[in-house]
PDB file of N, CA and C in Angstrom:
ATOM      1  N   MET A   1     -63.395  59.598  29.906  1.00  0.00           N
ATOM      2  CA  MET A   1     -62.247  59.555  29.022  1.00  0.00           C
ATOM      3  C   MET A   1     -61.304  58.441  29.475  1.00  0.00           C
ATOM      4  N   ALA A   2     -60.780  57.692  28.537  1.00  0.00           N
ATOM      5  CA  ALA A   2     -59.865  56.600  28.854  1.00  0.00           C
ATOM      6  C   ALA A   2     -58.520  57.173  29.279  1.00  0.00           C
ATOM      7  N   PRO A   3     -57.803  56.445  30.149  1.00  0.00           N
ATOM      8  CA  PRO A   3     -56.486  56.940  30.549  1.00  0.00           C
ATOM      9  C   PRO A   3     -55.542  56.964  29.358  1.00  0.00           C
ATOM     10  N   GLY A   4     -54.553  57.825  29.455  1.00  0.00           N
ATOM     11  CA  GLY A   4     -53.583  57.962  28.373  1.00  0.00           C
ATOM     12  C   GLY A   4     -52.703  56.731  28.264  1.00  0.00           C
ATOM     13  N   PRO A   5     -51.971  56.660  27.180  1.00  0.00           N
ATOM     14  CA  PRO A   5     -51.106  55.500  26.994  1.00  0.00           C
ATOM     15  C   PRO A   5     -49.936  55.545  27.974  1.00  0.00           C
ATOM     16  N   ASP A   6     -49.428  54.389  28.318  1.00  0.00           N
ATOM     17  CA  ASP A   6     -48.202  54.282  29.093  1.00  0.00           C
ATOM     18  C   ASP A   6     -47.084  54.663  28.123  1.00  0.00           C
ATOM     19  N   LEU A   7     -46.434  55.803  28.378  1.00  0.00           N
ATOM     20  CA  LEU A   7     -45.435  56.301  27.431  1.00  0.00           C
ATOM     21  C   LEU A   7     -44.328  55.291  27.181  1.00  0.00           C
ATOM     22  N   ASP A   8     -43.818  54.656  28.241  1.00  0.00           N
ATOM     23  CA  ASP A   8     -42.749  53.682  28.055  1.00  0.00           C
ATOM     24  C   ASP A   8     -43.205  52.534  27.168  1.00  0.00           C
ATOM     25  N   ALA A   9     -44.387  52.000  27.456  1.00  0.00           N
ATOM     26  CA  ALA A   9     -44.902  50.878  26.669  1.00  0.00           C
ATOM     27  C   ALA A   9     -45.198  51.298  25.236  1.00  0.00           C
ATOM     28  N   ALA A  10     -45.756  52.501  25.060  1.00  0.00           N
ATOM     29  CA  ALA A  10     -46.095  52.968  23.719  1.00  0.00           C
ATOM     30  C   ALA A  10     -44.834  53.188  22.880  1.00  0.00           C
ATOM     31  N   PHE A  11     -43.836  53.848  23.452  1.00  0.00           N
ATOM     32  CA  PHE A  11     -42.615  54.069  22.687  1.00  0.00           C
ATOM     33  C   PHE A  11     -41.873  52.761  22.435  1.00  0.00           C
ATOM     34  N   ALA A  12     -41.908  51.844  23.392  1.00  0.00           N
ATOM     35  CA  ALA A  12     -41.294  50.527  23.173  1.00  0.00           C
ATOM     36  C   ALA A  12     -42.012  49.795  22.046  1.00  0.00           C
ATOM     37  N   ALA A  13     -43.340  49.866  22.057  1.00  0.00           N
ATOM     38  CA  ALA A  13     -44.122  49.210  20.999  1.00  0.00           C
ATOM     39  C   ALA A  13     -43.784  49.805  19.639  1.00  0.00           C
ATOM     40  N   LEU A  14     -43.648  51.121  19.587  1.00  0.00           N
ATOM     41  CA  LEU A  14     -43.362  51.783  18.316  1.00  0.00           C
ATOM     42  C   LEU A  14     -41.898  51.639  17.899  1.00  0.00           C
ATOM     43  N   GLY A  15     -41.077  51.064  18.767  1.00  0.00           N
ATOM     44  CA  GLY A  15     -39.690  50.796  18.410  1.00  0.00           C
ATOM     45  C   GLY A  15     -39.559  49.645  17.419  1.00  0.00           C
ATOM     46  N   ASP A  16     -40.611  48.884  17.246  1.00  0.00           N
ATOM     47  CA  ASP A  16     -40.591  47.748  16.317  1.00  0.00           C
ATOM     48  C   ASP A  16     -41.105  48.200  14.951  1.00  0.00           C
ATOM     49  N   PRO A  17     -40.353  47.929  13.883  1.00  0.00           N
ATOM     50  CA  PRO A  17     -40.772  48.398  12.555  1.00  0.00           C
ATOM     51  C   PRO A  17     -42.095  47.801  12.073  1.00  0.00           C
ATOM     52  N   VAL A  18     -42.401  46.570  12.457  1.00  0.00           N
ATOM     53  CA  VAL A  18     -43.683  45.970  12.051  1.00  0.00           C
ATOM     54  C   VAL A  18     -44.826  46.729  12.714  1.00  0.00           C
ATOM     55  N   ARG A  19     -44.678  47.022  13.992  1.00  0.00           N
ATOM     56  CA  ARG A  19     -45.755  47.738  14.689  1.00  0.00           C
ATOM     57  C   ARG A  19     -45.909  49.160  14.159  1.00  0.00           C
ATOM     58  N   ARG A  20     -44.795  49.814  13.812  1.00  0.00           N
ATOM     59  CA  ARG A  20     -44.913  51.147  13.190  1.00  0.00           C
ATOM     60  C   ARG A  20     -45.653  51.041  11.864  1.00  0.00           C
ATOM     61  N   ALA A  21     -45.386  50.004  11.100  1.00  0.00           N
ATOM     62  CA  ALA A  21     -46.083  49.810   9.821  1.00  0.00           C
ATOM     63  C   ALA A  21     -47.574  49.535  10.057  1.00  0.00           C
ATOM     64  N   LEU A  22     -47.897  48.796  11.107  1.00  0.00           N
ATOM     65  CA  LEU A  22     -49.313  48.538  11.420  1.00  0.00           C
ATOM     66  C   LEU A  22     -50.011  49.836  11.807  1.00  0.00           C
ATOM     67  N   VAL A  23     -49.354  50.676  12.606  1.00  0.00           N
ATOM     68  CA  VAL A  23     -49.933  51.970  12.980  1.00  0.00           C
ATOM     69  C   VAL A  23     -50.129  52.819  11.732  1.00  0.00           C
ATOM     70  N   ALA A  24     -49.142  52.831  10.843  1.00  0.00           N
ATOM     71  CA  ALA A  24     -49.264  53.606   9.596  1.00  0.00           C
ATOM     72  C   ALA A  24     -50.429  53.093   8.761  1.00  0.00           C
ATOM     73  N   ARG A  25     -50.602  51.784   8.682  1.00  0.00           N
ATOM     74  CA  ARG A  25     -51.715  51.211   7.917  1.00  0.00           C
ATOM     75  C   ARG A  25     -53.051  51.577   8.552  1.00  0.00           C
ATOM     76  N   LEU A  26     -53.130  51.461   9.876  1.00  0.00           N
ATOM     77  CA  LEU A  26     -54.383  51.763  10.569  1.00  0.00           C
ATOM     78  C   LEU A  26     -54.718  53.250  10.531  1.00  0.00           C
ATOM     79  N   ALA A  27     -53.740  54.090  10.267  1.00  0.00           N
ATOM     80  CA  ALA A  27     -54.015  55.528  10.114  1.00  0.00           C
ATOM     81  C   ALA A  27     -54.910  55.773   8.896  1.00  0.00           C
ATOM     82  N   HIS A  28     -54.938  54.819   7.959  1.00  0.00           N
ATOM     83  CA  HIS A  28     -55.772  54.942   6.761  1.00  0.00           C
ATOM     84  C   HIS A  28     -57.160  54.340   6.945  1.00  0.00           C
ATOM     85  N   GLY A  29     -57.375  53.647   8.056  1.00  0.00           N
ATOM     86  CA  GLY A  29     -58.687  53.057   8.311  1.00  0.00           C
ATOM     87  C   GLY A  29     -58.584  51.734   9.031  1.00  0.00           C
ATOM     88  N   ASP A  30     -59.714  51.285   9.528  1.00  0.00           N
ATOM     89  CA  ASP A  30     -59.789  50.027  10.270  1.00  0.00           C
ATOM     90  C   ASP A  30     -59.402  48.855   9.373  1.00  0.00           C
ATOM     91  N   ALA A  31     -58.886  47.803  10.012  1.00  0.00           N
ATOM     92  CA  ALA A  31     -58.497  46.602   9.266  1.00  0.00           C
ATOM     93  C   ALA A  31     -58.511  45.400  10.207  1.00  0.00           C
ATOM     94  N   THR A  32     -58.773  44.244   9.643  1.00  0.00           N
ATOM     95  CA  THR A  32     -58.699  43.005  10.418  1.00  0.00           C
ATOM     96  C   THR A  32     -57.244  42.552  10.455  1.00  0.00           C
ATOM     97  N   VAL A  33     -56.962  41.595  11.330  1.00  0.00           N
ATOM     98  CA  VAL A  33     -55.607  41.055  11.420  1.00  0.00           C
ATOM     99  C   VAL A  33     -55.188  40.461  10.082  1.00  0.00           C
ATOM    100  N   GLY A  34     -56.115  39.772   9.409  1.00  0.00           N
ATOM    101  CA  GLY A  34     -55.810  39.208   8.097  1.00  0.00           C
ATOM    102  C   GLY A  34     -55.424  40.278   7.089  1.00  0.00           C
ATOM    103  N   GLN A  35     -56.151  41.391   7.093  1.00  0.00           N
ATOM    104  CA  GLN A  35     -55.816  42.494   6.191  1.00  0.00           C
ATOM    105  C   GLN A  35     -54.476  43.123   6.558  1.00  0.00           C
ATOM    106  N   LEU A  36     -54.221  43.233   7.867  1.00  0.00           N
ATOM    107  CA  LEU A  36     -52.943  43.796   8.313  1.00  0.00           C
ATOM    108  C   LEU A  36     -51.776  42.879   7.956  1.00  0.00           C
ATOM    109  N   ALA A  37     -52.011  41.579   7.956  1.00  0.00           N
ATOM    110  CA  ALA A  37     -50.949  40.611   7.682  1.00  0.00           C
ATOM    111  C   ALA A  37     -50.580  40.547   6.201  1.00  0.00           C
ATOM    112  N   ALA A  38     -51.491  40.950   5.320  1.00  0.00           N
ATOM    113  CA  ALA A  38     -51.297  40.767   3.874  1.00  0.00           C
ATOM    114  C   ALA A  38     -49.952  41.255   3.340  1.00  0.00           C
ATOM    115  N   PRO A  39     -49.480  42.463   3.668  1.00  0.00           N
ATOM    116  CA  PRO A  39     -48.224  42.913   3.059  1.00  0.00           C
ATOM    117  C   PRO A  39     -46.967  42.320   3.702  1.00  0.00           C
ATOM    118  N   PHE A  40     -47.109  41.555   4.758  1.00  0.00           N
ATOM    119  CA  PHE A  40     -45.954  41.019   5.477  1.00  0.00           C
ATOM    120  C   PHE A  40     -45.764  39.537   5.199  1.00  0.00           C
ATOM    121  N   GLU A  41     -44.549  39.095   5.356  1.00  0.00           N
ATOM    122  CA  GLU A  41     -44.270  37.662   5.289  1.00  0.00           C
ATOM    123  C   GLU A  41     -44.313  37.105   6.707  1.00  0.00           C
ATOM    124  N   LEU A  42     -45.400  37.424   7.399  1.00  0.00           N
ATOM    125  CA  LEU A  42     -45.619  36.962   8.764  1.00  0.00           C
ATOM    126  C   LEU A  42     -46.975  36.280   8.825  1.00  0.00           C
ATOM    127  N   THR A  43     -47.114  35.381   9.767  1.00  0.00           N
ATOM    128  CA  THR A  43     -48.402  34.702   9.928  1.00  0.00           C
ATOM    129  C   THR A  43     -49.414  35.657  10.570  1.00  0.00           C
ATOM    130  N   PRO A  44     -50.689  35.389  10.359  1.00  0.00           N
ATOM    131  CA  PRO A  44     -51.697  36.183  11.068  1.00  0.00           C
ATOM    132  C   PRO A  44     -51.507  36.125  12.588  1.00  0.00           C
ATOM    133  N   GLN A  45     -51.008  34.991  13.099  1.00  0.00           N
ATOM    134  CA  GLN A  45     -50.763  34.871  14.538  1.00  0.00           C
ATOM    135  C   GLN A  45     -49.678  35.851  14.986  1.00  0.00           C
ATOM    136  N   ALA A  46     -48.627  36.002  14.181  1.00  0.00           N
ATOM    137  CA  ALA A  46     -47.555  36.951  14.520  1.00  0.00           C
ATOM    138  C   ALA A  46     -48.087  38.380  14.489  1.00  0.00           C
ATOM    139  N   ILE A  47     -48.904  38.686  13.488  1.00  0.00           N
ATOM    140  CA  ILE A  47     -49.497  40.026  13.406  1.00  0.00           C
ATOM    141  C   ILE A  47     -50.434  40.237  14.586  1.00  0.00           C
ATOM    142  N   SER A  48     -51.173  39.209  14.949  1.00  0.00           N
ATOM    143  CA  SER A  48     -52.070  39.294  16.092  1.00  0.00           C
ATOM    144  C   SER A  48     -51.292  39.607  17.372  1.00  0.00           C
ATOM    145  N   HIS A  49     -50.119  39.020  17.505  1.00  0.00           N
ATOM    146  CA  HIS A  49     -49.258  39.320  18.658  1.00  0.00           C
ATOM    147  C   HIS A  49     -48.872  40.805  18.655  1.00  0.00           C
ATOM    148  N   HIS A  50     -48.458  41.320  17.500  1.00  0.00           N
ATOM    149  CA  HIS A  50     -48.078  42.737  17.387  1.00  0.00           C
ATOM    150  C   HIS A  50     -49.274  43.638  17.711  1.00  0.00           C
ATOM    151  N   VAL A  51     -50.446  43.265  17.225  1.00  0.00           N
ATOM    152  CA  VAL A  51     -51.661  44.033  17.528  1.00  0.00           C
ATOM    153  C   VAL A  51     -51.917  44.013  19.034  1.00  0.00           C
ATOM    154  N   GLY A  52     -51.691  42.874  19.662  1.00  0.00           N
ATOM    155  CA  GLY A  52     -51.874  42.766  21.106  1.00  0.00           C
ATOM    156  C   GLY A  52     -50.967  43.718  21.871  1.00  0.00           C
ATOM    157  N   VAL A  53     -49.730  43.833  21.431  1.00  0.00           N
ATOM    158  CA  VAL A  53     -48.797  44.774  22.064  1.00  0.00           C
ATOM    159  C   VAL A  53     -49.329  46.202  21.912  1.00  0.00           C
ATOM    160  N   LEU A  54     -49.789  46.538  20.718  1.00  0.00           N
ATOM    161  CA  LEU A  54     -50.336  47.885  20.477  1.00  0.00           C
ATOM    162  C   LEU A  54     -51.618  48.118  21.276  1.00  0.00           C
ATOM    163  N   ARG A  55     -52.404  47.071  21.455  1.00  0.00           N
ATOM    164  CA  ARG A  55     -53.622  47.186  22.268  1.00  0.00           C
ATOM    165  C   ARG A  55     -53.279  47.425  23.739  1.00  0.00           C
ATOM    166  N   ARG A  56     -52.348  46.646  24.247  1.00  0.00           N
ATOM    167  CA  ARG A  56     -51.998  46.758  25.669  1.00  0.00           C
ATOM    168  C   ARG A  56     -51.412  48.122  26.020  1.00  0.00           C
ATOM    169  N   CYS A  57     -50.755  48.773  25.084  1.00  0.00           N
ATOM    170  CA  CYS A  57     -50.200  50.099  25.401  1.00  0.00           C
ATOM    171  C   CYS A  57     -51.192  51.213  25.061  1.00  0.00           C
ATOM    172  N   GLY A  58     -52.374  50.860  24.559  1.00  0.00           N
ATOM    173  CA  GLY A  58     -53.437  51.838  24.374  1.00  0.00           C
ATOM    174  C   GLY A  58     -53.502  52.508  23.011  1.00  0.00           C
ATOM    175  N   LEU A  59     -52.697  52.048  22.052  1.00  0.00           N
ATOM    176  CA  LEU A  59     -52.683  52.706  20.738  1.00  0.00           C
ATOM    177  C   LEU A  59     -53.667  52.110  19.742  1.00  0.00           C
ATOM    178  N   VAL A  60     -54.132  50.893  20.006  1.00  0.00           N
ATOM    179  CA  VAL A  60     -55.057  50.212  19.093  1.00  0.00           C
ATOM    180  C   VAL A  60     -56.181  49.595  19.916  1.00  0.00           C
ATOM    181  N   GLU A  61     -57.359  49.572  19.329  1.00  0.00           N
ATOM    182  CA  GLU A  61     -58.474  48.857  19.952  1.00  0.00           C
ATOM    183  C   GLU A  61     -59.047  47.896  18.925  1.00  0.00           C
ATOM    184  N   GLN A  62     -59.630  46.819  19.429  1.00  0.00           N
ATOM    185  CA  GLN A  62     -60.308  45.845  18.575  1.00  0.00           C
ATOM    186  C   GLN A  62     -61.737  45.711  19.059  1.00  0.00           C
ATOM    187  N   ARG A  63     -62.634  45.514  18.117  1.00  0.00           N
ATOM    188  CA  ARG A  63     -64.033  45.308  18.481  1.00  0.00           C
ATOM    189  C   ARG A  63     -64.564  44.095  17.713  1.00  0.00           C
ATOM    190  N   ARG A  64     -65.649  43.566  18.182  1.00  0.00           N
ATOM    191  CA  ARG A  64     -66.273  42.415  17.510  1.00  0.00           C
ATOM    192  C   ARG A  64     -67.381  42.906  16.587  1.00  0.00           C
ATOM    193  N   GLU A  65     -67.367  42.385  15.385  1.00  0.00           N
ATOM    194  CA  GLU A  65     -68.451  42.599  14.413  1.00  0.00           C
ATOM    195  C   GLU A  65     -68.781  41.230  13.847  1.00  0.00           C
ATOM    196  N   GLY A  66     -69.621  40.512  14.545  1.00  0.00           N
ATOM    197  CA  GLY A  66     -69.911  39.129  14.140  1.00  0.00           C
ATOM    198  C   GLY A  66     -68.668  38.291  14.351  1.00  0.00           C
ATOM    199  N   THR A  67     -68.172  37.695  13.278  1.00  0.00           N
ATOM    200  CA  THR A  67     -66.961  36.884  13.377  1.00  0.00           C
ATOM    201  C   THR A  67     -65.697  37.709  13.110  1.00  0.00           C
ATOM    202  N   ARG A  68     -65.868  38.917  12.683  1.00  0.00           N
ATOM    203  CA  ARG A  68     -64.723  39.793  12.400  1.00  0.00           C
ATOM    204  C   ARG A  68     -64.305  40.554  13.655  1.00  0.00           C
ATOM    205  N   ARG A  69     -63.018  40.882  13.745  1.00  0.00           N
ATOM    206  CA  ARG A  69     -62.518  41.686  14.853  1.00  0.00           C
ATOM    207  C   ARG A  69     -61.636  42.794  14.292  1.00  0.00           C
ATOM    208  N   PRO A  70     -62.248  43.822  13.709  1.00  0.00           N
ATOM    209  CA  PRO A  70     -61.441  44.894  13.126  1.00  0.00           C
ATOM    210  C   PRO A  70     -60.664  45.671  14.188  1.00  0.00           C
ATOM    211  N   CYS A  71     -59.496  46.135  13.782  1.00  0.00           N
ATOM    212  CA  CYS A  71     -58.623  46.941  14.633  1.00  0.00           C
ATOM    213  C   CYS A  71     -58.781  48.398  14.228  1.00  0.00           C
ATOM    214  N   ARG A  72     -58.676  49.264  15.213  1.00  0.00           N
ATOM    215  CA  ARG A  72     -58.785  50.709  14.969  1.00  0.00           C
ATOM    216  C   ARG A  72     -57.668  51.408  15.727  1.00  0.00           C
ATOM    217  N   LEU A  73     -57.045  52.347  15.064  1.00  0.00           N
ATOM    218  CA  LEU A  73     -56.017  53.165  15.692  1.00  0.00           C
ATOM    219  C   LEU A  73     -56.679  54.161  16.630  1.00  0.00           C
ATOM    220  N   ARG A  74     -56.177  54.287  17.818  1.00  0.00           N
ATOM    221  CA  ARG A  74     -56.694  55.265  18.777  1.00  0.00           C
ATOM    222  C   ARG A  74     -55.894  56.549  18.588  1.00  0.00           C
ATOM    223  N   THR A  75     -56.333  57.348  17.644  1.00  0.00           N
ATOM    224  CA  THR A  75     -55.594  58.557  17.303  1.00  0.00           C
ATOM    225  C   THR A  75     -55.513  59.531  18.469  1.00  0.00           C
ATOM    226  N   ASP A  76     -56.515  59.497  19.351  1.00  0.00           N
ATOM    227  CA  ASP A  76     -56.452  60.367  20.527  1.00  0.00           C
ATOM    228  C   ASP A  76     -55.256  59.998  21.395  1.00  0.00           C
ATOM    229  N   GLN A  77     -55.001  58.709  21.536  1.00  0.00           N
ATOM    230  CA  GLN A  77     -53.859  58.260  22.333  1.00  0.00           C
ATOM    231  C   GLN A  77     -52.540  58.535  21.611  1.00  0.00           C
ATOM    232  N   LEU A  78     -52.540  58.358  20.305  1.00  0.00           N
ATOM    233  CA  LEU A  78     -51.344  58.643  19.522  1.00  0.00           C
ATOM    234  C   LEU A  78     -51.002  60.128  19.600  1.00  0.00           C
ATOM    235  N   SER A  79     -52.013  60.977  19.613  1.00  0.00           N
ATOM    236  CA  SER A  79     -51.747  62.411  19.686  1.00  0.00           C
ATOM    237  C   SER A  79     -51.168  62.801  21.043  1.00  0.00           C
ATOM    238  N   LEU A  80     -51.468  62.021  22.100  1.00  0.00           N
ATOM    239  CA  LEU A  80     -50.844  62.282  23.398  1.00  0.00           C
ATOM    240  C   LEU A  80     -49.332  62.065  23.331  1.00  0.00           C
ATOM    241  N   LEU A  81     -48.905  61.078  22.551  1.00  0.00           N
ATOM    242  CA  LEU A  81     -47.468  60.869  22.350  1.00  0.00           C
ATOM    243  C   LEU A  81     -46.866  62.064  21.613  1.00  0.00           C
ATOM    244  N   GLY A  82     -47.585  62.548  20.614  1.00  0.00           N
ATOM    245  CA  GLY A  82     -47.129  63.723  19.868  1.00  0.00           C
ATOM    246  C   GLY A  82     -47.026  64.952  20.755  1.00  0.00           C
ATOM    247  N   THR A  83     -47.971  65.100  21.668  1.00  0.00           N
ATOM    248  CA  THR A  83     -47.942  66.219  22.611  1.00  0.00           C
ATOM    249  C   THR A  83     -46.710  66.133  23.500  1.00  0.00           C
ATOM    250  N   TRP A  84     -46.404  64.934  23.985  1.00  0.00           N
ATOM    251  CA  TRP A  84     -45.229  64.750  24.825  1.00  0.00           C
ATOM    252  C   TRP A  84     -43.961  65.102  24.041  1.00  0.00           C
ATOM    253  N   ILE A  85     -43.884  64.636  22.804  1.00  0.00           N
ATOM    254  CA  ILE A  85     -42.717  64.933  21.966  1.00  0.00           C
ATOM    255  C   ILE A  85     -42.611  66.437  21.725  1.00  0.00           C
ATOM    256  N   ASP A  86     -43.726  67.093  21.444  1.00  0.00           N
ATOM    257  CA  ASP A  86     -43.720  68.547  21.232  1.00  0.00           C
ATOM    258  C   ASP A  86     -43.244  69.290  22.469  1.00  0.00           C
ATOM    259  N   GLU A  87     -43.674  68.845  23.651  1.00  0.00           N
ATOM    260  CA  GLU A  87     -43.223  69.487  24.893  1.00  0.00           C
ATOM    261  C   GLU A  87     -41.717  69.340  25.060  1.00  0.00           C
ATOM    262  N   GLN A  88     -41.200  68.157  24.752  1.00  0.00           N
ATOM    263  CA  GLN A  88     -39.748  67.942  24.854  1.00  0.00           C
ATOM    264  C   GLN A  88     -39.004  68.820  23.852  1.00  0.00           C
ATOM    265  N   ARG A  89     -39.540  68.917  22.643  1.00  0.00           N
ATOM    266  CA  ARG A  89     -38.912  69.750  21.611  1.00  0.00           C
ATOM    267  C   ARG A  89     -38.867  71.214  22.061  1.00  0.00           C
ATOM    268  N   ARG A  90     -39.983  71.713  22.607  1.00  0.00           N
ATOM    269  CA  ARG A  90     -40.027  73.107  23.088  1.00  0.00           C
ATOM    270  C   ARG A  90     -39.013  73.334  24.205  1.00  0.00           C
ATOM    271  N   THR A  91     -38.956  72.401  25.138  1.00  0.00           N
ATOM    272  CA  THR A  91     -38.008  72.522  26.248  1.00  0.00           C
ATOM    273  C   THR A  91     -36.583  72.605  25.736  1.00  0.00           C
ATOM    274  N   TRP A  92     -36.231  71.704  24.831  1.00  0.00           N
ATOM    275  CA  TRP A  92     -34.860  71.701  24.325  1.00  0.00           C
ATOM    276  C   TRP A  92     -34.577  72.898  23.430  1.00  0.00           C
ATOM    277  N   ASN A  93     -35.540  73.347  22.662  1.00  0.00           N
ATOM    278  CA  ASN A  93     -35.331  74.562  21.867  1.00  0.00           C
ATOM    279  C   ASN A  93     -35.093  75.760  22.776  1.00  0.00           C
ATOM    280  N   ASP A  94     -35.869  75.865  23.870  1.00  0.00           N
ATOM    281  CA  ASP A  94     -35.672  76.955  24.828  1.00  0.00           C
ATOM    282  C   ASP A  94     -34.291  76.882  25.462  1.00  0.00           C
ATOM    283  N   ARG A  95     -33.864  75.687  25.816  1.00  0.00           N
ATOM    284  CA  ARG A  95     -32.537  75.527  26.436  1.00  0.00           C
ATOM    285  C   ARG A  95     -31.430  75.869  25.447  1.00  0.00           C
ATOM    286  N   LEU A  96     -31.580  75.455  24.212  1.00  0.00           N
ATOM    287  CA  LEU A  96     -30.559  75.767  23.204  1.00  0.00           C
ATOM    288  C   LEU A  96     -30.536  77.262  22.892  1.00  0.00           C
ATOM    289  N   ASP A  97     -31.723  77.888  22.864  1.00  0.00           N
ATOM    290  CA  ASP A  97     -31.770  79.339  22.663  1.00  0.00           C
ATOM    291  C   ASP A  97     -31.066  80.065  23.808  1.00  0.00           C
ATOM    292  N   ALA A  98     -31.297  79.617  25.041  1.00  0.00           N
ATOM    293  CA  ALA A  98     -30.643  80.232  26.202  1.00  0.00           C
ATOM    294  C   ALA A  98     -29.137  80.037  26.128  1.00  0.00           C
ATOM    295  N   LEU A  99     -28.692  78.849  25.717  1.00  0.00           N
ATOM    296  CA  LEU A  99     -27.260  78.602  25.568  1.00  0.00           C
ATOM    297  C   LEU A  99     -26.665  79.507  24.492  1.00  0.00           C
ATOM    298  N   GLU A 100     -27.354  79.610  23.363  1.00  0.00           N
ATOM    299  CA  GLU A 100     -26.871  80.480  22.293  1.00  0.00           C
ATOM    300  C   GLU A 100     -26.783  81.930  22.771  1.00  0.00           C
ATOM    301  N   HIS A 101     -27.792  82.383  23.492  1.00  0.00           N
ATOM    302  CA  HIS A 101     -27.799  83.747  24.030  1.00  0.00           C
ATOM    303  C   HIS A 101     -26.635  83.930  25.007  1.00  0.00           C
ATOM    304  N   HIS A 102     -26.407  82.958  25.864  1.00  0.00           N
ATOM    305  CA  HIS A 102     -25.311  83.018  26.826  1.00  0.00           C
ATOM    306  C   HIS A 102     -23.965  83.086  26.106  1.00  0.00           C
ATOM    307  N   LEU A 103     -23.792  82.236  25.099  1.00  0.00           N
ATOM    308  CA  LEU A 103     -22.530  82.207  24.369  1.00  0.00           C
ATOM    309  C   LEU A 103     -22.306  83.488  23.570  1.00  0.00           C
ATOM    310  N   THR A 104     -23.374  84.020  23.013  1.00  0.00           N
ATOM    311  CA  THR A 104     -23.287  85.268  22.238  1.00  0.00           C
ATOM    312  C   THR A 104     -22.949  86.437  23.157  1.00  0.00           C
ATOM    313  N   ASP A 105     -23.608  86.528  24.297  1.00  0.00           N
ATOM    314  CA  ASP A 105     -23.333  87.589  25.266  1.00  0.00           C
ATOM    315  C   ASP A 105     -21.925  87.448  25.838  1.00  0.00           C
ATOM    316  N   ASP A 106     -21.495  86.222  26.084  1.00  0.00           N
ATOM    317  CA  ASP A 106     -20.163  85.963  26.622  1.00  0.00           C
ATOM    318  C   ASP A 106     -19.084  86.396  25.627  1.00  0.00           C
ATOM    319  N   GLY A 107     -19.325  86.103  24.352  1.00  0.00           N
ATOM    320  CA  GLY A 107     -18.358  86.481  23.321  1.00  0.00           C
ATOM    321  C   GLY A 107     -18.307  87.997  23.123  1.00  0.00           C
ATOM    322  N   ALA A 108     -19.416  88.679  23.255  1.00  0.00           N
ATOM    323  CA  ALA A 108     -19.470  90.126  23.078  1.00  0.00           C
ATOM    324  C   ALA A 108     -18.817  90.843  24.247  1.00  0.00           C
ATOM    325  N   ALA A 109     -18.817  90.233  25.432  1.00  0.00           N
ATOM    326  CA  ALA A 109     -18.233  90.871  26.624  1.00  0.00           C
ATOM    327  C   ALA A 109     -16.719  90.836  26.613  1.00  0.00           C
ATOM    328  N   ARG A 110     -16.137  89.984  25.822  1.00  0.00           N
ATOM    329  CA  ARG A 110     -14.663  89.844  25.797  1.00  0.00           C
ATOM    330  C   ARG A 110     -14.036  90.888  24.973  1.00  0.00           C
TER     331      ARG A 110
END
């Protein structure tokens, strides 16, 4: 199994709206850099740079198919980010529930 994504690098990469749009596009299927560049007013080289950032943080992979180099979203790695977010959400929900319970008990004791 490949190592998980670097959370800092992955979240930094997803902080860019172009890269979020590329991830959203790749969620629908593989695409070449040229196909990814089509809806943007950016050069294929600029899109290639964004793909490189997503590759380096582990969210996208590219493979060779003759002269084509299609990109694929690594959904397994993306789901690791979702797992981390879910854990944080659970932790904070538990803390807020405990605070609410404390405040409710404190108010009833007065």
